[in-house]
Amino acid sequence: MKRSHHCGELSIDHVGQIVTLAGWVASRRDHGGVRFIDLRDRYGLTQIVFDSEQQPTVHQLADRLRNEYVVAITGKVTLRPEGSANPSIPTGAIEIRSTSLVILNEAKPLPFALDDTITTTET
């Protein structure tokens, strides 16, 4: 599965397009019938949505995802619902409604967080 775009380049100009992205799972959230991941590549971050009603098989596979798994995703670019846009990232106005998910590589739990926003007392 070859990517069509990089994570950081998608915008409202791409709404309605079918895209394929590849990268690392930066974070994941489960809201019952809907799962979200933030997909990261060297160019940026894009929110991916897995909906149990629209794509039950893909939604079930998304349950296996953990941070730093390498995945390829195909889906439709849509506007985020009103009030859920994230102005702190360039792709914050859109999300990808996943229709296909391929786990390219799993990752063991990391001994430290790969997140610059987490503060520690270590020097």
PDB file of N, CA and C in Angstrom:
ATOM      1  N   MET A   1       0.854  -1.171   0.000  1.00  0.00           N
ATOM      2  CA  MET A   1       0.000   0.000   0.000  1.00  0.00           C
ATOM      3  C   MET A   1       0.900   1.235   0.000  1.00  0.00           C
ATOM      4  N   LYS A   2       0.862   1.988  -1.062  1.00  0.00           N
ATOM      5  CA  LYS A   2       1.704   3.174  -1.188  1.00  0.00           C
ATOM      6  C   LYS A   2       0.930   4.420  -0.761  1.00  0.00           C
ATOM      7  N   ARG A   3       1.585   5.268   0.021  1.00  0.00           N
ATOM      8  CA  ARG A   3       0.915   6.487   0.485  1.00  0.00           C
ATOM      9  C   ARG A   3       0.685   7.458  -0.665  1.00  0.00           C
ATOM     10  N   SER A   4      -0.413   8.186  -0.569  1.00  0.00           N
ATOM     11  CA  SER A   4      -0.719   9.209  -1.573  1.00  0.00           C
ATOM     12  C   SER A   4      -0.345  10.603  -1.079  1.00  0.00           C
ATOM     13  N   HIS A   5      -0.277  10.763   0.235  1.00  0.00           N
ATOM     14  CA  HIS A   5       0.015  12.055   0.855  1.00  0.00           C
ATOM     15  C   HIS A   5       0.826  11.821   2.126  1.00  0.00           C
ATOM     16  N   HIS A   6       1.401  12.903   2.632  1.00  0.00           N
ATOM     17  CA  HIS A   6       2.046  12.882   3.939  1.00  0.00           C
ATOM     18  C   HIS A   6       1.061  13.441   4.961  1.00  0.00           C
ATOM     19  N   CYS A   7       1.243  13.071   6.216  1.00  0.00           N
ATOM     20  CA  CYS A   7       0.291  13.472   7.259  1.00  0.00           C
ATOM     21  C   CYS A   7       0.160  14.981   7.408  1.00  0.00           C
ATOM     22  N   GLY A   8       1.235  15.717   7.292  1.00  0.00           N
ATOM     23  CA  GLY A   8       1.178  17.148   7.539  1.00  0.00           C
ATOM     24  C   GLY A   8       0.661  17.996   6.400  1.00  0.00           C
ATOM     25  N   GLU A   9       0.393  17.410   5.235  1.00  0.00           N
ATOM     26  CA  GLU A   9       0.017  18.231   4.082  1.00  0.00           C
ATOM     27  C   GLU A   9      -1.479  18.324   3.827  1.00  0.00           C
ATOM     28  N   LEU A  10      -2.285  17.543   4.521  1.00  0.00           N
ATOM     29  CA  LEU A  10      -3.727  17.542   4.254  1.00  0.00           C
ATOM     30  C   LEU A  10      -4.407  18.772   4.861  1.00  0.00           C
ATOM     31  N   SER A  11      -5.405  19.283   4.141  1.00  0.00           N
ATOM     32  CA  SER A  11      -6.126  20.481   4.593  1.00  0.00           C
ATOM     33  C   SER A  11      -7.570  20.396   4.106  1.00  0.00           C
ATOM     34  N   ILE A  12      -8.320  21.459   4.334  1.00  0.00           N
ATOM     35  CA  ILE A  12      -9.714  21.480   3.883  1.00  0.00           C
ATOM     36  C   ILE A  12      -9.810  21.411   2.355  1.00  0.00           C
ATOM     37  N   ASP A  13      -8.728  21.721   1.664  1.00  0.00           N
ATOM     38  CA  ASP A  13      -8.718  21.600   0.201  1.00  0.00           C
ATOM     39  C   ASP A  13      -8.819  20.147  -0.258  1.00  0.00           C
ATOM     40  N   HIS A  14      -8.523  19.203   0.640  1.00  0.00           N
ATOM     41  CA  HIS A  14      -8.552  17.777   0.301  1.00  0.00           C
ATOM     42  C   HIS A  14      -9.865  17.095   0.689  1.00  0.00           C
ATOM     43  N   VAL A  15     -10.803  17.835   1.293  1.00  0.00           N
ATOM     44  CA  VAL A  15     -12.067  17.237   1.742  1.00  0.00           C
ATOM     45  C   VAL A  15     -12.759  16.549   0.563  1.00  0.00           C
ATOM     46  N   GLY A  16     -13.198  15.316   0.817  1.00  0.00           N
ATOM     47  CA  GLY A  16     -13.861  14.520  -0.208  1.00  0.00           C
ATOM     48  C   GLY A  16     -12.932  13.564  -0.936  1.00  0.00           C
ATOM     49  N   GLN A  17     -11.623  13.772  -0.818  1.00  0.00           N
ATOM     50  CA  GLN A  17     -10.665  12.907  -1.502  1.00  0.00           C
ATOM     51  C   GLN A  17     -10.412  11.629  -0.706  1.00  0.00           C
ATOM     52  N   ILE A  18     -10.105  10.554  -1.418  1.00  0.00           N
ATOM     53  CA  ILE A  18      -9.657   9.312  -0.797  1.00  0.00           C
ATOM     54  C   ILE A  18      -8.134   9.363  -0.772  1.00  0.00           C
ATOM     55  N   VAL A  19      -7.543   9.179   0.416  1.00  0.00           N
ATOM     56  CA  VAL A  19      -6.094   9.275   0.579  1.00  0.00           C
ATOM     57  C   VAL A  19      -5.563   8.032   1.280  1.00  0.00           C
ATOM     58  N   THR A  20      -4.283   7.792   1.091  1.00  0.00           N
ATOM     59  CA  THR A  20      -3.587   6.730   1.813  1.00  0.00           C
ATOM     60  C   THR A  20      -2.415   7.362   2.540  1.00  0.00           C
ATOM     61  N   LEU A  21      -2.347   7.123   3.843  1.00  0.00           N
ATOM     62  CA  LEU A  21      -1.281   7.643   4.687  1.00  0.00           C
ATOM     63  C   LEU A  21      -0.550   6.479   5.342  1.00  0.00           C
ATOM     64  N   ALA A  22       0.703   6.705   5.700  1.00  0.00           N
ATOM     65  CA  ALA A  22       1.468   5.711   6.446  1.00  0.00           C
ATOM     66  C   ALA A  22       2.268   6.441   7.508  1.00  0.00           C
ATOM     67  N   GLY A  23       2.417   5.808   8.660  1.00  0.00           N
ATOM     68  CA  GLY A  23       3.176   6.435   9.729  1.00  0.00           C
ATOM     69  C   GLY A  23       3.050   5.668  11.024  1.00  0.00           C
ATOM     70  N   TRP A  24       3.388   6.350  12.108  1.00  0.00           N
ATOM     71  CA  TRP A  24       3.378   5.772  13.445  1.00  0.00           C
ATOM     72  C   TRP A  24       2.147   6.234  14.209  1.00  0.00           C
ATOM     73  N   VAL A  25       1.605   5.373  15.037  1.00  0.00           N
ATOM     74  CA  VAL A  25       0.497   5.744  15.919  1.00  0.00           C
ATOM     75  C   VAL A  25       1.088   6.599  17.039  1.00  0.00           C
ATOM     76  N   ALA A  26       0.746   7.879  17.063  1.00  0.00           N
ATOM     77  CA  ALA A  26       1.263   8.795  18.080  1.00  0.00           C
ATOM     78  C   ALA A  26       0.433   8.732  19.356  1.00  0.00           C
ATOM     79  N   SER A  27      -0.884   8.563  19.204  1.00  0.00           N
ATOM     80  CA  SER A  27      -1.775   8.416  20.362  1.00  0.00           C
ATOM     81  C   SER A  27      -3.057   7.765  19.884  1.00  0.00           C
ATOM     82  N   ARG A  28      -3.827   7.250  20.837  1.00  0.00           N
ATOM     83  CA  ARG A  28      -5.091   6.595  20.489  1.00  0.00           C
ATOM     84  C   ARG A  28      -6.121   6.885  21.562  1.00  0.00           C
ATOM     85  N   ARG A  29      -7.383   6.935  21.144  1.00  0.00           N
ATOM     86  CA  ARG A  29      -8.490   7.200  22.057  1.00  0.00           C
ATOM     87  C   ARG A  29      -9.660   6.326  21.650  1.00  0.00           C
ATOM     88  N   ASP A  30     -10.369   5.807  22.633  1.00  0.00           N
ATOM     89  CA  ASP A  30     -11.521   4.945  22.371  1.00  0.00           C
ATOM     90  C   ASP A  30     -12.754   5.600  22.974  1.00  0.00           C
ATOM     91  N   HIS A  31     -13.728   5.896  22.130  1.00  0.00           N
ATOM     92  CA  HIS A  31     -14.987   6.501  22.575  1.00  0.00           C
ATOM     93  C   HIS A  31     -16.144   5.561  22.254  1.00  0.00           C
ATOM     94  N   GLY A  32     -15.967   4.292  22.620  1.00  0.00           N
ATOM     95  CA  GLY A  32     -17.019   3.306  22.393  1.00  0.00           C
ATOM     96  C   GLY A  32     -17.086   2.879  20.945  1.00  0.00           C
ATOM     97  N   GLY A  33     -18.096   3.327  20.233  1.00  0.00           N
ATOM     98  CA  GLY A  33     -18.281   2.942  18.839  1.00  0.00           C
ATOM     99  C   GLY A  33     -17.353   3.640  17.870  1.00  0.00           C
ATOM    100  N   VAL A  34     -16.575   4.598  18.379  1.00  0.00           N
ATOM    101  CA  VAL A  34     -15.644   5.339  17.530  1.00  0.00           C
ATOM    102  C   VAL A  34     -14.269   5.331  18.189  1.00  0.00           C
ATOM    103  N   ARG A  35     -13.262   4.969  17.400  1.00  0.00           N
ATOM    104  CA  ARG A  35     -11.876   5.005  17.873  1.00  0.00           C
ATOM    105  C   ARG A  35     -11.123   6.048  17.058  1.00  0.00           C
ATOM    106  N   PHE A  36     -10.170   6.702  17.708  1.00  0.00           N
ATOM    107  CA  PHE A  36      -9.353   7.718  17.057  1.00  0.00           C
ATOM    108  C   PHE A  36      -7.887   7.383  17.261  1.00  0.00           C
ATOM    109  N   ILE A  37      -7.072   7.677  16.261  1.00  0.00           N
ATOM    110  CA  ILE A  37      -5.627   7.701  16.460  1.00  0.00           C
ATOM    111  C   ILE A  37      -5.098   8.985  15.842  1.00  0.00           C
ATOM    112  N   ASP A  38      -3.982   9.441  16.375  1.00  0.00           N
ATOM    113  CA  ASP A  38      -3.220  10.496  15.733  1.00  0.00           C
ATOM    114  C   ASP A  38      -2.088   9.788  15.010  1.00  0.00           C
ATOM    115  N   LEU A  39      -2.068   9.909  13.699  1.00  0.00           N
ATOM    116  CA  LEU A  39      -1.049   9.271  12.874  1.00  0.00           C
ATOM    117  C   LEU A  39       0.044  10.292  12.594  1.00  0.00           C
ATOM    118  N   ARG A  40       1.300   9.877  12.818  1.00  0.00           N
ATOM    119  CA  ARG A  40       2.440  10.787  12.700  1.00  0.00           C
ATOM    120  C   ARG A  40       3.411  10.269  11.639  1.00  0.00           C
ATOM    121  N   ASP A  41       3.900  11.177  10.816  1.00  0.00           N
ATOM    122  CA  ASP A  41       5.057  10.886   9.981  1.00  0.00           C
ATOM    123  C   ASP A  41       6.008  12.072  10.133  1.00  0.00           C
ATOM    124  N   ARG A  42       7.076  12.097   9.372  1.00  0.00           N
ATOM    125  CA  ARG A  42       8.061  13.166   9.575  1.00  0.00           C
ATOM    126  C   ARG A  42       7.535  14.543   9.184  1.00  0.00           C
ATOM    127  N   TYR A  43       6.373  14.592   8.534  1.00  0.00           N
ATOM    128  CA  TYR A  43       5.827  15.854   8.047  1.00  0.00           C
ATOM    129  C   TYR A  43       4.706  16.421   8.904  1.00  0.00           C
ATOM    130  N   GLY A  44       4.177  15.626   9.831  1.00  0.00           N
ATOM    131  CA  GLY A  44       3.096  16.143  10.654  1.00  0.00           C
ATOM    132  C   GLY A  44       2.221  15.064  11.250  1.00  0.00           C
ATOM    133  N   LEU A  45       1.020  15.477  11.626  1.00  0.00           N
ATOM    134  CA  LEU A  45       0.085  14.641  12.373  1.00  0.00           C
ATOM    135  C   LEU A  45      -1.305  14.772  11.749  1.00  0.00           C
ATOM    136  N   THR A  46      -2.021  13.656  11.660  1.00  0.00           N
ATOM    137  CA  THR A  46      -3.391  13.671  11.147  1.00  0.00           C
ATOM    138  C   THR A  46      -4.253  12.762  12.008  1.00  0.00           C
ATOM    139  N   GLN A  47      -5.465  13.215  12.332  1.00  0.00           N
ATOM    140  CA  GLN A  47      -6.400  12.394  13.101  1.00  0.00           C
ATOM    141  C   GLN A  47      -7.110  11.407  12.177  1.00  0.00           C
ATOM    142  N   ILE A  48      -7.140  10.126  12.624  1.00  0.00           N
ATOM    143  CA  ILE A  48      -7.813   9.064  11.884  1.00  0.00           C
ATOM    144  C   ILE A  48      -8.988   8.581  12.723  1.00  0.00           C
ATOM    145  N   VAL A  49     -10.137   8.346  12.076  1.00  0.00           N
ATOM    146  CA  VAL A  49     -11.351   7.904  12.763  1.00  0.00           C
ATOM    147  C   VAL A  49     -11.718   6.508  12.274  1.00  0.00           C
ATOM    148  N   PHE A  50     -12.017   5.620  13.235  1.00  0.00           N
ATOM    149  CA  PHE A  50     -12.497   4.270  12.932  1.00  0.00           C
ATOM    150  C   PHE A  50     -13.900   4.156  13.520  1.00  0.00           C
ATOM    151  N   ASP A  51     -14.913   4.058  12.668  1.00  0.00           N
ATOM    152  CA  ASP A  51     -16.314   4.046  13.093  1.00  0.00           C
ATOM    153  C   ASP A  51     -16.873   2.633  12.988  1.00  0.00           C
ATOM    154  N   SER A  52     -17.413   2.112  14.105  1.00  0.00           N
ATOM    155  CA  SER A  52     -17.917   0.734  14.130  1.00  0.00           C
ATOM    156  C   SER A  52     -19.142   0.541  13.242  1.00  0.00           C
ATOM    157  N   GLU A  53     -19.926   1.582  13.025  1.00  0.00           N
ATOM    158  CA  GLU A  53     -21.119   1.455  12.182  1.00  0.00           C
ATOM    159  C   GLU A  53     -20.769   1.463  10.695  1.00  0.00           C
ATOM    160  N   GLN A  54     -19.795   2.279  10.310  1.00  0.00           N
ATOM    161  CA  GLN A  54     -19.445   2.394   8.890  1.00  0.00           C
ATOM    162  C   GLN A  54     -18.475   1.306   8.434  1.00  0.00           C
ATOM    163  N   GLN A  55     -17.511   0.956   9.283  1.00  0.00           N
ATOM    164  CA  GLN A  55     -16.479  -0.018   8.918  1.00  0.00           C
ATOM    165  C   GLN A  55     -16.195  -0.934  10.112  1.00  0.00           C
ATOM    166  N   PRO A  56     -17.093  -1.874  10.431  1.00  0.00           N
ATOM    167  CA  PRO A  56     -16.921  -2.697  11.632  1.00  0.00           C
ATOM    168  C   PRO A  56     -15.643  -3.536  11.650  1.00  0.00           C
ATOM    169  N   THR A  57     -15.219  -4.055  10.509  1.00  0.00           N
ATOM    170  CA  THR A  57     -14.005  -4.875  10.471  1.00  0.00           C
ATOM    171  C   THR A  57     -12.766  -4.033  10.746  1.00  0.00           C
ATOM    172  N   VAL A  58     -12.696  -2.861  10.130  1.00  0.00           N
ATOM    173  CA  VAL A  58     -11.562  -1.954  10.343  1.00  0.00           C
ATOM    174  C   VAL A  58     -11.565  -1.457  11.788  1.00  0.00           C
ATOM    175  N   HIS A  59     -12.739  -1.141  12.319  1.00  0.00           N
ATOM    176  CA  HIS A  59     -12.869  -0.695  13.709  1.00  0.00           C
ATOM    177  C   HIS A  59     -12.336  -1.755  14.662  1.00  0.00           C
ATOM    178  N   GLN A  60     -12.663  -3.009  14.409  1.00  0.00           N
ATOM    179  CA  GLN A  60     -12.204  -4.104  15.265  1.00  0.00           C
ATOM    180  C   GLN A  60     -10.684  -4.255  15.183  1.00  0.00           C
ATOM    181  N   LEU A  61     -10.111  -4.162  13.999  1.00  0.00           N
ATOM    182  CA  LEU A  61      -8.660  -4.242  13.845  1.00  0.00           C
ATOM    183  C   LEU A  61      -7.976  -3.082  14.558  1.00  0.00           C
ATOM    184  N   ALA A  62      -8.588  -1.908  14.549  1.00  0.00           N
ATOM    185  CA  ALA A  62      -8.012  -0.729  15.203  1.00  0.00           C
ATOM    186  C   ALA A  62      -7.880  -0.921  16.710  1.00  0.00           C
ATOM    187  N   ASP A  63      -8.649  -1.838  17.279  1.00  0.00           N
ATOM    188  CA  ASP A  63      -8.545  -2.127  18.708  1.00  0.00           C
ATOM    189  C   ASP A  63      -7.167  -2.675  19.071  1.00  0.00           C
ATOM    190  N   ARG A  64      -6.477  -3.274  18.122  1.00  0.00           N
ATOM    191  CA  ARG A  64      -5.145  -3.840  18.368  1.00  0.00           C
ATOM    192  C   ARG A  64      -4.050  -2.784  18.400  1.00  0.00           C
ATOM    193  N   LEU A  65      -4.321  -1.597  17.885  1.00  0.00           N
ATOM    194  CA  LEU A  65      -3.283  -0.579  17.743  1.00  0.00           C
ATOM    195  C   LEU A  65      -2.772  -0.090  19.091  1.00  0.00           C
ATOM    196  N   ARG A  66      -1.477   0.121  19.145  1.00  0.00           N
ATOM    197  CA  ARG A  66      -0.804   0.686  20.312  1.00  0.00           C
ATOM    198  C   ARG A  66       0.137   1.777  19.815  1.00  0.00           C
ATOM    199  N   ASN A  67       0.599   2.618  20.738  1.00  0.00           N
ATOM    200  CA  ASN A  67       1.520   3.686  20.372  1.00  0.00           C
ATOM    201  C   ASN A  67       2.758   3.120  19.690  1.00  0.00           C
ATOM    202  N   GLU A  68       3.179   3.801  18.655  1.00  0.00           N
ATOM    203  CA  GLU A  68       4.359   3.504  17.845  1.00  0.00           C
ATOM    204  C   GLU A  68       4.198   2.333  16.884  1.00  0.00           C
ATOM    205  N   TYR A  69       2.994   1.731  16.800  1.00  0.00           N
ATOM    206  CA  TYR A  69       2.750   0.765  15.722  1.00  0.00           C
ATOM    207  C   TYR A  69       2.893   1.519  14.395  1.00  0.00           C
ATOM    208  N   VAL A  70       3.394   0.844  13.387  1.00  0.00           N
ATOM    209  CA  VAL A  70       3.508   1.426  12.053  1.00  0.00           C
ATOM    210  C   VAL A  70       2.333   0.907  11.234  1.00  0.00           C
ATOM    211  N   VAL A  71       1.570   1.827  10.659  1.00  0.00           N
ATOM    212  CA  VAL A  71       0.349   1.445   9.949  1.00  0.00           C
ATOM    213  C   VAL A  71       0.229   2.194   8.625  1.00  0.00           C
ATOM    214  N   ALA A  72      -0.573   1.625   7.742  1.00  0.00           N
ATOM    215  CA  ALA A  72      -0.994   2.301   6.511  1.00  0.00           C
ATOM    216  C   ALA A  72      -2.515   2.356   6.543  1.00  0.00           C
ATOM    217  N   ILE A  73      -3.054   3.501   6.206  1.00  0.00           N
ATOM    218  CA  ILE A  73      -4.494   3.733   6.313  1.00  0.00           C
ATOM    219  C   ILE A  73      -4.999   4.383   5.033  1.00  0.00           C
ATOM    220  N   THR A  74      -6.128   3.904   4.548  1.00  0.00           N
ATOM    221  CA  THR A  74      -6.817   4.554   3.438  1.00  0.00           C
ATOM    222  C   THR A  74      -8.168   5.025   3.955  1.00  0.00           C
ATOM    223  N   GLY A  75      -8.573   6.201   3.533  1.00  0.00           N
ATOM    224  CA  GLY A  75      -9.860   6.721   3.966  1.00  0.00           C
ATOM    225  C   GLY A  75     -10.198   8.023   3.277  1.00  0.00           C
ATOM    226  N   LYS A  76     -11.356   8.544   3.641  1.00  0.00           N
ATOM    227  CA  LYS A  76     -11.869   9.776   3.034  1.00  0.00           C
ATOM    228  C   LYS A  76     -11.592  10.961   3.950  1.00  0.00           C
ATOM    229  N   VAL A  77     -11.077  12.033   3.372  1.00  0.00           N
ATOM    230  CA  VAL A  77     -10.830  13.269   4.119  1.00  0.00           C
ATOM    231  C   VAL A  77     -12.166  13.963   4.354  1.00  0.00           C
ATOM    232  N   THR A  78     -12.462  14.261   5.625  1.00  0.00           N
ATOM    233  CA  THR A  78     -13.692  14.965   5.985  1.00  0.00           C
ATOM    234  C   THR A  78     -13.362  16.112   6.932  1.00  0.00           C
ATOM    235  N   LEU A  79     -14.267  17.074   7.005  1.00  0.00           N
ATOM    236  CA  LEU A  79     -14.127  18.129   8.007  1.00  0.00           C
ATOM    237  C   LEU A  79     -14.425  17.539   9.377  1.00  0.00           C
ATOM    238  N   ARG A  80     -13.715  17.993  10.383  1.00  0.00           N
ATOM    239  CA  ARG A  80     -14.042  17.566  11.741  1.00  0.00           C
ATOM    240  C   ARG A  80     -15.396  18.156  12.126  1.00  0.00           C
ATOM    241  N   PRO A  81     -16.125  17.469  13.010  1.00  0.00           N
ATOM    242  CA  PRO A  81     -17.410  18.018  13.460  1.00  0.00           C
ATOM    243  C   PRO A  81     -17.223  19.393  14.107  1.00  0.00           C
ATOM    244  N   GLU A  82     -18.262  20.197  14.027  1.00  0.00           N
ATOM    245  CA  GLU A  82     -18.215  21.547  14.593  1.00  0.00           C
ATOM    246  C   GLU A  82     -17.808  21.498  16.064  1.00  0.00           C
ATOM    247  N   GLY A  83     -16.864  22.333  16.424  1.00  0.00           N
ATOM    248  CA  GLY A  83     -16.396  22.405  17.802  1.00  0.00           C
ATOM    249  C   GLY A  83     -15.268  21.443  18.131  1.00  0.00           C
ATOM    250  N   SER A  84     -14.871  20.591  17.186  1.00  0.00           N
ATOM    251  CA  SER A  84     -13.807  19.629  17.490  1.00  0.00           C
ATOM    252  C   SER A  84     -12.530  19.890  16.692  1.00  0.00           C
ATOM    253  N   ALA A  85     -12.476  21.000  15.981  1.00  0.00           N
ATOM    254  CA  ALA A  85     -11.252  21.350  15.252  1.00  0.00           C
ATOM    255  C   ALA A  85     -10.133  21.635  16.250  1.00  0.00           C
ATOM    256  N   ASN A  86      -8.908  21.363  15.840  1.00  0.00           N
ATOM    257  CA  ASN A  86      -7.737  21.568  16.688  1.00  0.00           C
ATOM    258  C   ASN A  86      -6.836  22.610  16.026  1.00  0.00           C
ATOM    259  N   PRO A  87      -6.955  23.875  16.427  1.00  0.00           N
ATOM    260  CA  PRO A  87      -6.182  24.929  15.772  1.00  0.00           C
ATOM    261  C   PRO A  87      -4.684  24.868  16.059  1.00  0.00           C
ATOM    262  N   SER A  88      -4.255  23.995  16.969  1.00  0.00           N
ATOM    263  CA  SER A  88      -2.833  23.934  17.311  1.00  0.00           C
ATOM    264  C   SER A  88      -2.009  23.101  16.326  1.00  0.00           C
ATOM    265  N   ILE A  89      -2.668  22.420  15.376  1.00  0.00           N
ATOM    266  CA  ILE A  89      -1.926  21.675  14.356  1.00  0.00           C
ATOM    267  C   ILE A  89      -2.447  22.061  12.972  1.00  0.00           C
ATOM    268  N   PRO A  90      -1.592  22.033  11.958  1.00  0.00           N
ATOM    269  CA  PRO A  90      -2.014  22.447  10.610  1.00  0.00           C
ATOM    270  C   PRO A  90      -3.158  21.613  10.029  1.00  0.00           C
ATOM    271  N   THR A  91      -3.271  20.342  10.427  1.00  0.00           N
ATOM    272  CA  THR A  91      -4.335  19.471   9.907  1.00  0.00           C
ATOM    273  C   THR A  91      -5.541  19.431  10.837  1.00  0.00           C
ATOM    274  N   GLY A  92      -5.634  20.368  11.756  1.00  0.00           N
ATOM    275  CA  GLY A  92      -6.659  20.331  12.792  1.00  0.00           C
ATOM    276  C   GLY A  92      -8.087  20.535  12.339  1.00  0.00           C
ATOM    277  N   ALA A  93      -8.309  20.937  11.104  1.00  0.00           N
ATOM    278  CA  ALA A  93      -9.676  21.146  10.607  1.00  0.00           C
ATOM    279  C   ALA A  93     -10.258  19.895   9.957  1.00  0.00           C
ATOM    280  N   ILE A  94      -9.390  18.889   9.699  1.00  0.00           N
ATOM    281  CA  ILE A  94      -9.858  17.697   8.974  1.00  0.00           C
ATOM    282  C   ILE A  94      -9.561  16.427   9.774  1.00  0.00           C
ATOM    283  N   GLU A  95     -10.169  15.336   9.320  1.00  0.00           N
ATOM    284  CA  GLU A  95      -9.867  14.005   9.835  1.00  0.00           C
ATOM    285  C   GLU A  95     -10.058  13.022   8.691  1.00  0.00           C
ATOM    286  N   ILE A  96      -9.516  11.828   8.859  1.00  0.00           N
ATOM    287  CA  ILE A  96      -9.650  10.783   7.843  1.00  0.00           C
ATOM    288  C   ILE A  96     -10.589   9.720   8.384  1.00  0.00           C
ATOM    289  N   ARG A  97     -11.670   9.439   7.659  1.00  0.00           N
ATOM    290  CA  ARG A  97     -12.601   8.355   7.991  1.00  0.00           C
ATOM    291  C   ARG A  97     -12.058   7.089   7.344  1.00  0.00           C
ATOM    292  N   SER A  98     -11.448   6.232   8.151  1.00  0.00           N
ATOM    293  CA  SER A  98     -10.724   5.074   7.633  1.00  0.00           C
ATOM    294  C   SER A  98     -11.641   4.023   7.011  1.00  0.00           C
ATOM    295  N   THR A  99     -11.235   3.540   5.835  1.00  0.00           N
ATOM    296  CA  THR A  99     -11.924   2.430   5.175  1.00  0.00           C
ATOM    297  C   THR A  99     -11.016   1.209   5.080  1.00  0.00           C
ATOM    298  N   SER A 100      -9.723   1.398   5.344  1.00  0.00           N
ATOM    299  CA  SER A 100      -8.759   0.310   5.268  1.00  0.00           C
ATOM    300  C   SER A 100      -7.634   0.569   6.260  1.00  0.00           C
ATOM    301  N   LEU A 101      -7.190  -0.482   6.929  1.00  0.00           N
ATOM    302  CA  LEU A 101      -6.102  -0.391   7.900  1.00  0.00           C
ATOM    303  C   LEU A 101      -5.204  -1.600   7.732  1.00  0.00           C
ATOM    304  N   VAL A 102      -3.905  -1.349   7.574  1.00  0.00           N
ATOM    305  CA  VAL A 102      -2.913  -2.418   7.520  1.00  0.00           C
ATOM    306  C   VAL A 102      -1.877  -2.132   8.595  1.00  0.00           C
ATOM    307  N   ILE A 103      -1.665  -3.094   9.488  1.00  0.00           N
ATOM    308  CA  ILE A 103      -0.608  -2.967  10.493  1.00  0.00           C
ATOM    309  C   ILE A 103       0.675  -3.457   9.838  1.00  0.00           C
ATOM    310  N   LEU A 104       1.617  -2.543   9.620  1.00  0.00           N
ATOM    311  CA  LEU A 104       2.872  -2.878   8.957  1.00  0.00           C
ATOM    312  C   LEU A 104       3.903  -3.419   9.940  1.00  0.00           C
ATOM    313  N   ASN A 105       3.871  -2.920  11.175  1.00  0.00           N
ATOM    314  CA  ASN A 105       4.806  -3.390  12.188  1.00  0.00           C
ATOM    315  C   ASN A 105       4.274  -3.040  13.569  1.00  0.00           C
ATOM    316  N   GLU A 106       4.376  -3.986  14.479  1.00  0.00           N
ATOM    317  CA  GLU A 106       3.993  -3.737  15.864  1.00  0.00           C
ATOM    318  C   GLU A 106       5.199  -3.198  16.619  1.00  0.00           C
ATOM    319  N   ALA A 107       4.954  -2.613  17.772  1.00  0.00           N
ATOM    320  CA  ALA A 107       6.030  -2.061  18.592  1.00  0.00           C
ATOM    321  C   ALA A 107       5.841  -2.508  20.032  1.00  0.00           C
ATOM    322  N   LYS A 108       6.951  -2.812  20.676  1.00  0.00           N
ATOM    323  CA  LYS A 108       6.901  -3.127  22.103  1.00  0.00           C
ATOM    324  C   LYS A 108       6.705  -1.817  22.867  1.00  0.00           C
ATOM    325  N   PRO A 109       6.148  -1.901  24.080  1.00  0.00           N
ATOM    326  CA  PRO A 109       6.002  -0.678  24.882  1.00  0.00           C
ATOM    327  C   PRO A 109       7.365  -0.017  25.107  1.00  0.00           C
ATOM    328  N   LEU A 110       7.402   1.288  24.952  1.00  0.00           N
ATOM    329  CA  LEU A 110       8.654   2.021  25.105  1.00  0.00           C
ATOM    330  C   LEU A 110       8.957   2.279  26.578  1.00  0.00           C
ATOM    331  N   PRO A 111      10.237   2.322  26.949  1.00  0.00           N
ATOM    332  CA  PRO A 111      10.598   2.576  28.347  1.00  0.00           C
ATOM    333  C   PRO A 111      10.477   4.049  28.739  1.00  0.00           C
ATOM    334  N   PHE A 112      10.159   4.900  27.773  1.00  0.00           N
ATOM    335  CA  PHE A 112      10.014   6.332  28.032  1.00  0.00           C
ATOM    336  C   PHE A 112       9.019   6.901  27.030  1.00  0.00           C
ATOM    337  N   ALA A 113       8.478   8.053  27.355  1.00  0.00           N
ATOM    338  CA  ALA A 113       7.485   8.687  26.481  1.00  0.00           C
ATOM    339  C   ALA A 113       8.175   9.495  25.389  1.00  0.00           C
ATOM    340  N   LEU A 114       7.666   9.402  24.173  1.00  0.00           N
ATOM    341  CA  LEU A 114       8.177  10.197  23.054  1.00  0.00           C
ATOM    342  C   LEU A 114       7.317  11.444  22.884  1.00  0.00           C
ATOM    343  N   ASP A 115       7.207  12.216  23.937  1.00  0.00           N
ATOM    344  CA  ASP A 115       6.323  13.374  23.912  1.00  0.00           C
ATOM    345  C   ASP A 115       7.010  14.532  24.615  1.00  0.00           C
ATOM    346  N   ASP A 116       7.327  15.576  23.874  1.00  0.00           N
ATOM    347  CA  ASP A 116       8.016  16.734  24.437  1.00  0.00           C
ATOM    348  C   ASP A 116       7.150  17.537  25.392  1.00  0.00           C
ATOM    349  N   THR A 117       5.841  17.295  25.397  1.00  0.00           N
ATOM    350  CA  THR A 117       4.963  18.066  26.276  1.00  0.00           C
ATOM    351  C   THR A 117       4.908  17.496  27.689  1.00  0.00           C
ATOM    352  N   ILE A 118       5.463  16.303  27.894  1.00  0.00           N
ATOM    353  CA  ILE A 118       5.478  15.692  29.225  1.00  0.00           C
ATOM    354  C   ILE A 118       6.702  16.203  29.972  1.00  0.00           C
ATOM    355  N   THR A 119       6.469  16.797  31.141  1.00  0.00           N
ATOM    356  CA  THR A 119       7.587  17.298  31.931  1.00  0.00           C
ATOM    357  C   THR A 119       8.020  16.249  32.943  1.00  0.00           C
ATOM    358  N   THR A 120       9.316  16.190  33.168  1.00  0.00           N
ATOM    359  CA  THR A 120       9.870  15.249  34.143  1.00  0.00           C
ATOM    360  C   THR A 120      10.813  15.996  35.063  1.00  0.00           C
ATOM    361  N   THR A 121      11.192  15.343  36.136  1.00  0.00           N
ATOM    362  CA  THR A 121      12.145  15.938  37.070  1.00  0.00           C
ATOM    363  C   THR A 121      13.564  15.480  36.776  1.00  0.00           C
ATOM    364  N   GLU A 122      13.730  14.635  35.761  1.00  0.00           N
ATOM    365  CA  GLU A 122      15.058  14.142  35.407  1.00  0.00           C
ATOM    366  C   GLU A 122      15.804  15.181  34.591  1.00  0.00           C
ATOM    367  N   THR A 123      17.115  15.165  34.698  1.00  0.00           N
ATOM    368  CA  THR A 123      17.940  16.080  33.895  1.00  0.00           C
ATOM    369  C   THR A 123      18.942  15.321  33.074  1.00  0.00           C
TER     370      THR A 123
END
